[in-house]
C-alpha atoms as a PDB file:
ATOM      1  CA  MET A   1       7.014  19.021  -8.110  1.00  0.00           C
ATOM      2  CA  SER A   2       7.452  17.788  -4.552  1.00  0.00           C
ATOM      3  CA  ILE A   3       4.621  16.308  -2.559  1.00  0.00           C
ATOM      4  CA  ASP A   4       3.945  17.785   0.878  1.00  0.00           C
ATOM      5  CA  GLN A   5       4.164  15.434   3.871  1.00  0.00           C
ATOM      6  CA  SER A   6       0.509  16.147   4.643  1.00  0.00           C
ATOM      7  CA  GLU A   7      -0.427  14.465   1.337  1.00  0.00           C
ATOM      8  CA  TYR A   8       1.523  11.333   2.293  1.00  0.00           C
ATOM      9  CA  ASP A   9      -0.281  11.311   5.639  1.00  0.00           C
ATOM     10  CA  ALA A  10      -3.616  11.803   3.869  1.00  0.00           C
ATOM     11  CA  ILE A  11      -3.041   8.908   1.457  1.00  0.00           C
ATOM     12  CA  SER A  12      -2.175   6.656   4.409  1.00  0.00           C
ATOM     13  CA  ARG A  13      -5.415   7.592   6.171  1.00  0.00           C
ATOM     14  CA  LYS A  14      -7.366   7.133   2.938  1.00  0.00           C
ATOM     15  CA  ALA A  15      -5.837   3.691   2.338  1.00  0.00           C
ATOM     16  CA  GLU A  16      -6.711   2.690   5.890  1.00  0.00           C
ATOM     17  CA  ALA A  17     -10.304   3.873   5.403  1.00  0.00           C
ATOM     18  CA  VAL A  18     -10.653   2.089   2.050  1.00  0.00           C
ATOM     19  CA  LEU A  19      -8.969  -1.192   2.974  1.00  0.00           C
ATOM     20  CA  GLY A  20      -9.897  -1.419   6.650  1.00  0.00           C
ATOM     21  CA  HIS A  21      -7.836  -2.476   9.639  1.00  0.00           C
ATOM     22  CA  ALA A  22      -8.306  -6.217   9.090  1.00  0.00           C
ATOM     23  CA  LYS A  23      -6.728  -6.236   5.631  1.00  0.00           C
ATOM     24  CA  ILE A  24      -3.869  -3.981   6.647  1.00  0.00           C
ATOM     25  CA  ASP A  25      -3.196  -5.948   9.838  1.00  0.00           C
ATOM     26  CA  SER A  26      -3.094  -9.202   7.866  1.00  0.00           C
ATOM     27  CA  MET A  27      -0.370  -7.912   5.529  1.00  0.00           C
ATOM     28  CA  SER A  28       3.236  -8.889   6.122  1.00  0.00           C
ATOM     29  CA  ARG A  29       5.905  -6.232   6.619  1.00  0.00           C
ATOM     30  CA  PRO A  30       7.260  -6.714   3.045  1.00  0.00           C
ATOM     31  CA  GLN A  31       3.729  -6.413   1.634  1.00  0.00           C
ATOM     32  CA  LEU A  32       3.142  -3.213   3.611  1.00  0.00           C
ATOM     33  CA  ASN A  33       6.402  -1.767   2.332  1.00  0.00           C
ATOM     34  CA  LEU A  34       5.411  -2.562  -1.243  1.00  0.00           C
ATOM     35  CA  LEU A  35       1.954  -1.059  -0.745  1.00  0.00           C
ATOM     36  CA  ASN A  36       3.458   2.138   0.661  1.00  0.00           C
ATOM     37  CA  ARG A  37       5.805   2.424  -2.300  1.00  0.00           C
ATOM     38  CA  ALA A  38       2.986   1.737  -4.766  1.00  0.00           C
ATOM     39  CA  LEU A  39       0.746   4.356  -3.174  1.00  0.00           C
ATOM     40  CA  ASP A  40       3.630   6.846  -3.202  1.00  0.00           C
ATOM     41  CA  ARG A  41       3.931   6.349  -6.972  1.00  0.00           C
ATOM     42  CA  VAL A  42       0.185   6.844  -7.441  1.00  0.00           C
ATOM     43  CA  LEU A  43       0.291   9.966  -5.275  1.00  0.00           C
ATOM     44  CA  LYS A  44       3.177  11.416  -7.277  1.00  0.00           C
ATOM     45  CA  ARG A  45       1.153  10.890 -10.450  1.00  0.00           C
ATOM     46  CA  ARG A  46      -2.085  12.339  -9.008  1.00  0.00           C
ATOM     47  CA  LEU A  47      -0.425  15.074  -6.852  1.00  0.00           C
ATOM     48  CA  THR A  48      -3.074  14.996  -4.097  1.00  0.00           C
ATOM     49  CA  ALA A  49      -4.492  12.228  -1.926  1.00  0.00           C
ATOM     50  CA  GLU A  50      -7.975  13.488  -2.737  1.00  0.00           C
ATOM     51  CA  ALA A  51      -7.390  12.726  -6.421  1.00  0.00           C
ATOM     52  CA  VAL A  52      -6.488   9.089  -5.695  1.00  0.00           C
ATOM     53  CA  THR A  53      -9.592   6.926  -6.066  1.00  0.00           C
ATOM     54  CA  PRO A  54     -10.596   4.057  -3.785  1.00  0.00           C
ATOM     55  CA  ASP A  55     -10.355   1.744  -6.807  1.00  0.00           C
ATOM     56  CA  GLU A  56      -6.722   2.720  -7.306  1.00  0.00           C
ATOM     57  CA  ILE A  57      -5.955   1.900  -3.674  1.00  0.00           C
ATOM     58  CA  ILE A  58      -7.775  -1.432  -3.874  1.00  0.00           C
ATOM     59  CA  GLY A  59      -6.025  -2.222  -7.159  1.00  0.00           C
ATOM     60  CA  GLN A  60      -2.585  -1.630  -5.661  1.00  0.00           C
ATOM     61  CA  TYR A  61      -3.480  -3.753  -2.620  1.00  0.00           C
ATOM     62  CA  GLU A  62      -4.766  -6.633  -4.782  1.00  0.00           C
ATOM     63  CA  GLN A  63      -1.742  -6.585  -7.059  1.00  0.00           C
ATOM     64  CA  ILE A  64       0.594  -6.914  -4.104  1.00  0.00           C
ATOM     65  CA  VAL A  65      -1.224  -9.514  -1.996  1.00  0.00           C
ATOM     66  CA  PHE A  66      -2.443 -11.686  -4.864  1.00  0.00           C
ATOM     67  CA  TYR A  67       0.234 -11.413  -7.544  1.00  0.00           C
ATOM     68  CA  VAL A  68       3.475  -9.674  -6.550  1.00  0.00           C
ATOM     69  CA  LEU A  69       4.041 -11.075  -3.061  1.00  0.00           C
ATOM     70  CA  PRO A  70       1.274 -13.400  -1.891  1.00  0.00           C
ATOM     71  CA  HIS A  71       1.441 -14.828   1.626  1.00  0.00           C
ATOM     72  CA  GLY A  72       3.818 -17.783   1.724  1.00  0.00           C
ATOM     73  CA  ALA A  73       5.804 -16.662  -1.327  1.00  0.00           C
ATOM     74  CA  TYR A  74       8.874 -15.511   0.582  1.00  0.00           C
ATOM     75  CA  GLU A  75       8.774 -16.977   4.100  1.00  0.00           C
ATOM     76  CA  HIS A  76      11.207 -19.731   3.113  1.00  0.00           C
ATOM     77  CA  LEU A  77      13.813 -17.031   2.434  1.00  0.00           C
ATOM     78  CA  LEU A  78      13.657 -15.587   5.947  1.00  0.00           C
ATOM     79  CA  PRO A  79      16.193 -16.661   8.584  1.00  0.00           C
ATOM     80  CA  PRO A  80      14.807 -18.942  11.295  1.00  0.00           C
ATOM     81  CA  GLU A  81      13.643 -17.205  14.453  1.00  0.00           C
END
């Protein structure tokens, strides 16, 4: 079953409401990409953004920023600016 674009938009708005601008703005580009992919997987499992709980969103955020790709874990791999 394919997910409608409106559901992807809705999960983005829901994640923003749950996490807040400060947390999202403090994430690096790679962390944001991982969060988007993680939320896409949750959405595909739940089928609607409404069915995704705030705890699931927070859990995905915490996994990424604390365990998968914490700040400082990859900066040494980036080319110098």
